[in-house]
Amino acid sequence: MGSLISLAYFALLISVLIDIILIDESRIKHLGKVTWIFLVIFMPFIGSILWFAIGREHQSTAPSSLPFGASERRAPLPSQEVSTTEAEIAKLDAEIEYFQRQEKIRALEDELRKRKQLP
């Protein structure tokens, strides 16, 4: 049992030292990187707790790290509007009307060409 506790204690010490060494300088708070390393080496348990509690700046969660079914993922983007059946029908009616006008314009242009060719 004692060896298991010692192994966990040693794993904590190593993981904290690796975290301190690999973390970006801009995310370290209160002390310098070398000072934190010495603090953890000379007071491993207290230094480790202090490092995780006050020594590092934790990253905020990014939208890409949300769980699969999170409601934030299902929310529509601001550029997308939520469409209803009535809105879709209105869009289709407007599109039909546009193409009917285009067809009428083509027919009138053809008639105009024919009139210009007659005299």
C-alpha atoms as a PDB file:
ATOM      1  CA  MET A   1       0.000   0.000   0.000  1.00  0.00           C
ATOM      2  CA  GLY A   2       2.828   2.359   0.839  1.00  0.00           C
ATOM      3  CA  SER A   3       4.514   1.740  -2.493  1.00  0.00           C
ATOM      4  CA  LEU A   4       1.270   2.567  -4.324  1.00  0.00           C
ATOM      5  CA  ILE A   5       1.020   5.905  -2.507  1.00  0.00           C
ATOM      6  CA  SER A   6       4.681   6.629  -3.266  1.00  0.00           C
ATOM      7  CA  LEU A   7       4.117   5.791  -6.932  1.00  0.00           C
ATOM      8  CA  ALA A   8       1.075   8.118  -7.114  1.00  0.00           C
ATOM      9  CA  TYR A   9       3.060  10.850  -5.352  1.00  0.00           C
ATOM     10  CA  PHE A  10       5.939  10.441  -7.817  1.00  0.00           C
ATOM     11  CA  ALA A  11       3.532  10.446 -10.809  1.00  0.00           C
ATOM     12  CA  LEU A  12       1.990  13.692  -9.522  1.00  0.00           C
ATOM     13  CA  LEU A  13       5.427  15.260  -9.183  1.00  0.00           C
ATOM     14  CA  ILE A  14       6.479  14.234 -12.699  1.00  0.00           C
ATOM     15  CA  SER A  15       3.206  15.336 -14.292  1.00  0.00           C
ATOM     16  CA  VAL A  16       3.382  18.749 -12.621  1.00  0.00           C
ATOM     17  CA  LEU A  17       7.006  19.243 -13.679  1.00  0.00           C
ATOM     18  CA  ILE A  18       6.176  18.277 -17.272  1.00  0.00           C
ATOM     19  CA  ASP A  19       3.185  20.629 -17.234  1.00  0.00           C
ATOM     20  CA  ILE A  20       5.318  23.508 -15.967  1.00  0.00           C
ATOM     21  CA  ILE A  21       8.049  22.873 -18.519  1.00  0.00           C
ATOM     22  CA  LEU A  22       5.698  22.555 -21.506  1.00  0.00           C
ATOM     23  CA  ILE A  23       3.245  25.354 -20.711  1.00  0.00           C
ATOM     24  CA  ASP A  24       3.529  28.664 -22.537  1.00  0.00           C
ATOM     25  CA  GLU A  25       5.076  31.514 -20.493  1.00  0.00           C
ATOM     26  CA  SER A  26       2.002  33.700 -21.065  1.00  0.00           C
ATOM     27  CA  ARG A  27      -0.215  31.220 -19.173  1.00  0.00           C
ATOM     28  CA  ILE A  28       1.923  31.152 -15.998  1.00  0.00           C
ATOM     29  CA  LYS A  29       0.678  33.364 -13.169  1.00  0.00           C
ATOM     30  CA  HIS A  30       2.341  34.932 -10.124  1.00  0.00           C
ATOM     31  CA  LEU A  31       5.871  33.447 -10.415  1.00  0.00           C
ATOM     32  CA  GLY A  32       8.310  32.577 -13.158  1.00  0.00           C
ATOM     33  CA  LYS A  33       8.662  29.139 -14.706  1.00  0.00           C
ATOM     34  CA  VAL A  34      11.970  28.388 -12.956  1.00  0.00           C
ATOM     35  CA  THR A  35      10.572  29.473  -9.589  1.00  0.00           C
ATOM     36  CA  TRP A  36       7.600  27.146  -9.996  1.00  0.00           C
ATOM     37  CA  ILE A  37       9.931  24.271 -10.893  1.00  0.00           C
ATOM     38  CA  PHE A  38      12.029  24.838  -7.743  1.00  0.00           C
ATOM     39  CA  LEU A  39       8.888  25.191  -5.619  1.00  0.00           C
ATOM     40  CA  VAL A  40       7.551  21.851  -6.889  1.00  0.00           C
ATOM     41  CA  ILE A  41      10.916  20.112  -6.485  1.00  0.00           C
ATOM     42  CA  PHE A  42      11.495  21.315  -2.905  1.00  0.00           C
ATOM     43  CA  MET A  43       7.857  21.042  -1.738  1.00  0.00           C
ATOM     44  CA  PRO A  44       6.339  18.463  -4.085  1.00  0.00           C
ATOM     45  CA  PHE A  45       2.855  18.014  -2.633  1.00  0.00           C
ATOM     46  CA  ILE A  46       2.161  21.620  -1.638  1.00  0.00           C
ATOM     47  CA  GLY A  47       3.900  22.934  -4.757  1.00  0.00           C
ATOM     48  CA  SER A  48       1.804  20.691  -6.989  1.00  0.00           C
ATOM     49  CA  ILE A  49      -1.420  21.811  -5.370  1.00  0.00           C
ATOM     50  CA  LEU A  50      -0.382  25.463  -5.591  1.00  0.00           C
ATOM     51  CA  TRP A  51       0.602  25.039  -9.243  1.00  0.00           C
ATOM     52  CA  PHE A  52      -2.789  23.689 -10.249  1.00  0.00           C
ATOM     53  CA  ALA A  53      -4.701  26.081  -7.984  1.00  0.00           C
ATOM     54  CA  ILE A  54      -3.004  29.424  -8.640  1.00  0.00           C
ATOM     55  CA  GLY A  55       0.035  28.920 -10.850  1.00  0.00           C
ATOM     56  CA  ARG A  56      -1.453  28.376 -14.248  1.00  0.00           C
ATOM     57  CA  GLU A  57      -4.109  30.049 -16.304  1.00  0.00           C
ATOM     58  CA  HIS A  58      -6.643  27.481 -17.422  1.00  0.00           C
ATOM     59  CA  GLN A  59      -7.876  27.674 -21.000  1.00  0.00           C
ATOM     60  CA  SER A  60     -11.491  28.563 -21.544  1.00  0.00           C
ATOM     61  CA  THR A  61     -13.599  25.998 -23.339  1.00  0.00           C
ATOM     62  CA  ALA A  62     -13.726  26.535 -27.059  1.00  0.00           C
ATOM     63  CA  PRO A  63     -16.858  25.831 -29.094  1.00  0.00           C
ATOM     64  CA  SER A  64     -15.097  22.995 -30.876  1.00  0.00           C
ATOM     65  CA  SER A  65     -14.634  21.148 -27.572  1.00  0.00           C
ATOM     66  CA  LEU A  66     -18.342  20.932 -26.761  1.00  0.00           C
ATOM     67  CA  PRO A  67     -19.873  17.488 -26.364  1.00  0.00           C
ATOM     68  CA  PHE A  68     -21.577  16.031 -29.404  1.00  0.00           C
ATOM     69  CA  GLY A  69     -25.173  16.597 -28.316  1.00  0.00           C
ATOM     70  CA  ALA A  70     -24.666  20.009 -26.691  1.00  0.00           C
ATOM     71  CA  SER A  71     -27.425  22.516 -27.392  1.00  0.00           C
ATOM     72  CA  GLU A  72     -24.822  25.163 -28.310  1.00  0.00           C
ATOM     73  CA  ARG A  73     -23.853  23.041 -31.314  1.00  0.00           C
ATOM     74  CA  ARG A  74     -27.451  22.823 -32.506  1.00  0.00           C
ATOM     75  CA  ALA A  75     -28.091  26.548 -32.291  1.00  0.00           C
ATOM     76  CA  PRO A  76     -28.221  28.194 -35.734  1.00  0.00           C
ATOM     77  CA  LEU A  77     -25.439  30.520 -36.726  1.00  0.00           C
ATOM     78  CA  PRO A  78     -26.287  34.236 -36.841  1.00  0.00           C
ATOM     79  CA  SER A  79     -25.847  34.246 -40.626  1.00  0.00           C
ATOM     80  CA  GLN A  80     -28.423  31.467 -41.010  1.00  0.00           C
ATOM     81  CA  GLU A  81     -32.041  32.217 -40.441  1.00  0.00           C
ATOM     82  CA  VAL A  82     -34.438  29.661 -39.109  1.00  0.00           C
ATOM     83  CA  SER A  83     -36.877  28.807 -41.893  1.00  0.00           C
ATOM     84  CA  THR A  84     -40.459  27.743 -41.512  1.00  0.00           C
ATOM     85  CA  THR A  85     -42.743  26.122 -44.035  1.00  0.00           C
ATOM     86  CA  GLU A  86     -44.503  29.420 -44.719  1.00  0.00           C
ATOM     87  CA  ALA A  87     -41.189  31.167 -45.355  1.00  0.00           C
ATOM     88  CA  GLU A  88     -40.116  28.397 -47.732  1.00  0.00           C
ATOM     89  CA  ILE A  89     -43.416  28.640 -49.649  1.00  0.00           C
ATOM     90  CA  ALA A  90     -43.023  32.428 -49.881  1.00  0.00           C
ATOM     91  CA  LYS A  91     -39.495  31.984 -51.272  1.00  0.00           C
ATOM     92  CA  LEU A  92     -40.743  29.474 -53.834  1.00  0.00           C
ATOM     93  CA  ASP A  93     -43.602  31.780 -54.873  1.00  0.00           C
ATOM     94  CA  ALA A  94     -41.155  34.651 -55.337  1.00  0.00           C
ATOM     95  CA  GLU A  95     -38.882  32.428 -57.401  1.00  0.00           C
ATOM     96  CA  ILE A  96     -41.774  31.276 -59.623  1.00  0.00           C
ATOM     97  CA  GLU A  97     -42.870  34.867 -60.115  1.00  0.00           C
ATOM     98  CA  TYR A  98     -39.319  35.886 -61.040  1.00  0.00           C
ATOM     99  CA  PHE A  99     -39.035  33.168 -63.693  1.00  0.00           C
ATOM    100  CA  GLN A 100     -42.477  34.008 -65.081  1.00  0.00           C
ATOM    101  CA  ARG A 101     -41.392  37.652 -65.463  1.00  0.00           C
ATOM    102  CA  GLN A 102     -38.181  36.538 -67.156  1.00  0.00           C
ATOM    103  CA  GLU A 103     -40.180  34.392 -69.585  1.00  0.00           C
ATOM    104  CA  LYS A 104     -42.528  37.302 -70.335  1.00  0.00           C
ATOM    105  CA  ILE A 105     -39.522  39.586 -70.957  1.00  0.00           C
ATOM    106  CA  ARG A 106     -38.062  37.042 -73.428  1.00  0.00           C
ATOM    107  CA  ALA A 107     -41.383  36.774 -75.234  1.00  0.00           C
ATOM    108  CA  LEU A 108     -41.664  40.571 -75.522  1.00  0.00           C
ATOM    109  CA  GLU A 109     -38.069  40.829 -76.789  1.00  0.00           C
ATOM    110  CA  ASP A 110     -38.790  38.180 -79.437  1.00  0.00           C
ATOM    111  CA  GLU A 111     -41.914  40.098 -80.521  1.00  0.00           C
ATOM    112  CA  LEU A 112     -39.896  43.321 -80.705  1.00  0.00           C
ATOM    113  CA  ARG A 113     -37.266  41.654 -82.926  1.00  0.00           C
ATOM    114  CA  LYS A 114     -39.990  40.361 -85.237  1.00  0.00           C
ATOM    115  CA  ARG A 115     -41.540  43.856 -85.564  1.00  0.00           C
ATOM    116  CA  LYS A 116     -38.140  45.364 -86.387  1.00  0.00           C
ATOM    117  CA  GLN A 117     -37.606  42.824 -89.184  1.00  0.00           C
ATOM    118  CA  LEU A 118     -41.020  43.412 -90.916  1.00  0.00           C
ATOM    119  CA  PRO A 119     -40.640  46.891 -92.593  1.00  0.00           C
END
